[in-house]
Amino acid sequence: MTPVEDVRKEMKKYEQTRNAFYDLFDREIPKKENGMFDFDAAPKLDAKEVYDLFFKLDYQARKLRGLLIEARDIKVG
């Protein structure tokens, strides 16, 4: 697989993980009339579920970061 193909593959995984994170919000948090989440009216979220989804999202972002740096031959540091 080429570096660009690797990035595309991981971007798809990132999008899926991000969507899962926001699906939790959509499911658990009501929205205001303007479409913004109404955290004041929301019940308490399951911290473990939020953490699990955030960890997956963060992991995928870090993985993508490395692939992008490699694909673009970016010098870090």
C-alpha atoms as a PDB file:
ATOM      1  CA  MET A   1       0.000   0.000   0.000  1.00  0.00           C
ATOM      2  CA  THR A   2       1.273   3.504  -0.779  1.00  0.00           C
ATOM      3  CA  PRO A   3       1.503   6.175   1.921  1.00  0.00           C
ATOM      4  CA  VAL A   4      -1.474   7.984   0.362  1.00  0.00           C
ATOM      5  CA  GLU A   5      -3.550   4.785   0.393  1.00  0.00           C
ATOM      6  CA  ASP A   6      -2.590   4.251   4.042  1.00  0.00           C
ATOM      7  CA  VAL A   7      -3.774   7.773   4.867  1.00  0.00           C
ATOM      8  CA  ARG A   8      -7.075   7.234   3.034  1.00  0.00           C
ATOM      9  CA  LYS A   9      -7.673   3.955   4.857  1.00  0.00           C
ATOM     10  CA  GLU A  10      -6.969   5.488   8.264  1.00  0.00           C
ATOM     11  CA  MET A  11      -9.037   8.605   7.441  1.00  0.00           C
ATOM     12  CA  LYS A  12     -12.039   6.336   6.876  1.00  0.00           C
ATOM     13  CA  LYS A  13     -11.438   4.713  10.270  1.00  0.00           C
ATOM     14  CA  TYR A  14     -11.069   8.165  11.842  1.00  0.00           C
ATOM     15  CA  GLU A  15     -14.380   9.301  10.339  1.00  0.00           C
ATOM     16  CA  GLN A  16     -16.141   6.159  11.610  1.00  0.00           C
ATOM     17  CA  THR A  17     -14.696   6.651  15.094  1.00  0.00           C
ATOM     18  CA  ARG A  18     -15.602  10.353  15.129  1.00  0.00           C
ATOM     19  CA  ASN A  19     -19.144   9.503  14.024  1.00  0.00           C
ATOM     20  CA  ALA A  20     -19.466   6.963  16.858  1.00  0.00           C
ATOM     21  CA  PHE A  21     -18.353   9.631  19.342  1.00  0.00           C
ATOM     22  CA  TYR A  22     -20.961  12.109  18.122  1.00  0.00           C
ATOM     23  CA  ASP A  23     -23.630   9.394  17.893  1.00  0.00           C
ATOM     24  CA  LEU A  24     -23.326   9.060  21.668  1.00  0.00           C
ATOM     25  CA  PHE A  25     -23.918  12.799  22.052  1.00  0.00           C
ATOM     26  CA  ASP A  26     -26.854  12.709  19.617  1.00  0.00           C
ATOM     27  CA  ARG A  27     -28.374   9.799  21.534  1.00  0.00           C
ATOM     28  CA  GLU A  28     -27.883  11.170  25.050  1.00  0.00           C
ATOM     29  CA  ILE A  29     -27.885  14.971  24.869  1.00  0.00           C
ATOM     30  CA  PRO A  30     -30.909  17.019  23.810  1.00  0.00           C
ATOM     31  CA  LYS A  31     -30.382  19.904  21.429  1.00  0.00           C
ATOM     32  CA  LYS A  32     -31.387  23.527  21.679  1.00  0.00           C
ATOM     33  CA  GLU A  33     -33.531  25.160  18.998  1.00  0.00           C
ATOM     34  CA  ASN A  34     -30.368  26.362  17.262  1.00  0.00           C
ATOM     35  CA  GLY A  35     -29.080  22.774  16.958  1.00  0.00           C
ATOM     36  CA  MET A  36     -26.369  23.102  19.611  1.00  0.00           C
ATOM     37  CA  PHE A  37     -26.125  20.473  22.326  1.00  0.00           C
ATOM     38  CA  ASP A  38     -27.955  21.482  25.496  1.00  0.00           C
ATOM     39  CA  PHE A  39     -25.519  20.204  28.105  1.00  0.00           C
ATOM     40  CA  ASP A  40     -27.484  21.869  30.904  1.00  0.00           C
ATOM     41  CA  ALA A  41     -30.538  19.717  30.108  1.00  0.00           C
ATOM     42  CA  ALA A  42     -28.549  16.546  29.574  1.00  0.00           C
ATOM     43  CA  PRO A  43     -28.474  13.651  31.981  1.00  0.00           C
ATOM     44  CA  LYS A  44     -25.109  12.549  33.239  1.00  0.00           C
ATOM     45  CA  LEU A  45     -23.153  10.587  30.644  1.00  0.00           C
ATOM     46  CA  ASP A  46     -21.471   7.279  31.352  1.00  0.00           C
ATOM     47  CA  ALA A  47     -17.876   8.397  31.865  1.00  0.00           C
ATOM     48  CA  LYS A  48     -16.446   5.026  30.828  1.00  0.00           C
ATOM     49  CA  GLU A  49     -18.385   5.044  27.566  1.00  0.00           C
ATOM     50  CA  VAL A  50     -17.252   8.612  26.807  1.00  0.00           C
ATOM     51  CA  TYR A  51     -13.645   7.726  27.667  1.00  0.00           C
ATOM     52  CA  ASP A  52     -13.691   4.574  25.517  1.00  0.00           C
ATOM     53  CA  LEU A  53     -14.960   6.499  22.508  1.00  0.00           C
ATOM     54  CA  PHE A  54     -12.566   9.404  23.093  1.00  0.00           C
ATOM     55  CA  PHE A  55      -9.608   7.034  23.463  1.00  0.00           C
ATOM     56  CA  LYS A  56     -10.438   5.388  20.122  1.00  0.00           C
ATOM     57  CA  LEU A  57     -10.794   8.794  18.468  1.00  0.00           C
ATOM     58  CA  ASP A  58      -7.522  10.054  19.948  1.00  0.00           C
ATOM     59  CA  TYR A  59      -5.689   6.846  18.989  1.00  0.00           C
ATOM     60  CA  GLN A  60      -6.900   7.123  15.409  1.00  0.00           C
ATOM     61  CA  ALA A  61      -5.891  10.804  15.240  1.00  0.00           C
ATOM     62  CA  ARG A  62      -2.388   9.998  16.509  1.00  0.00           C
ATOM     63  CA  LYS A  63      -2.086   7.150  14.011  1.00  0.00           C
ATOM     64  CA  LEU A  64      -3.162   9.462  11.186  1.00  0.00           C
ATOM     65  CA  ARG A  65      -0.728  12.143  12.324  1.00  0.00           C
ATOM     66  CA  GLY A  66       2.171   9.727  11.983  1.00  0.00           C
ATOM     67  CA  LEU A  67       1.068   8.584   8.543  1.00  0.00           C
ATOM     68  CA  LEU A  68       0.638  12.157   7.329  1.00  0.00           C
ATOM     69  CA  ILE A  69       4.060  13.161   8.602  1.00  0.00           C
ATOM     70  CA  GLU A  70       5.584  10.140   6.866  1.00  0.00           C
ATOM     71  CA  ALA A  71       3.613  10.600   3.636  1.00  0.00           C
ATOM     72  CA  ARG A  72       4.529  14.271   3.361  1.00  0.00           C
ATOM     73  CA  ASP A  73       8.106  13.749   4.628  1.00  0.00           C
ATOM     74  CA  ILE A  74       7.568  16.401   7.292  1.00  0.00           C
ATOM     75  CA  LYS A  75      10.436  17.012   9.689  1.00  0.00           C
ATOM     76  CA  VAL A  76       9.227  17.217  13.285  1.00  0.00           C
ATOM     77  CA  GLY A  77      11.399  18.584  16.043  1.00  0.00           C
END
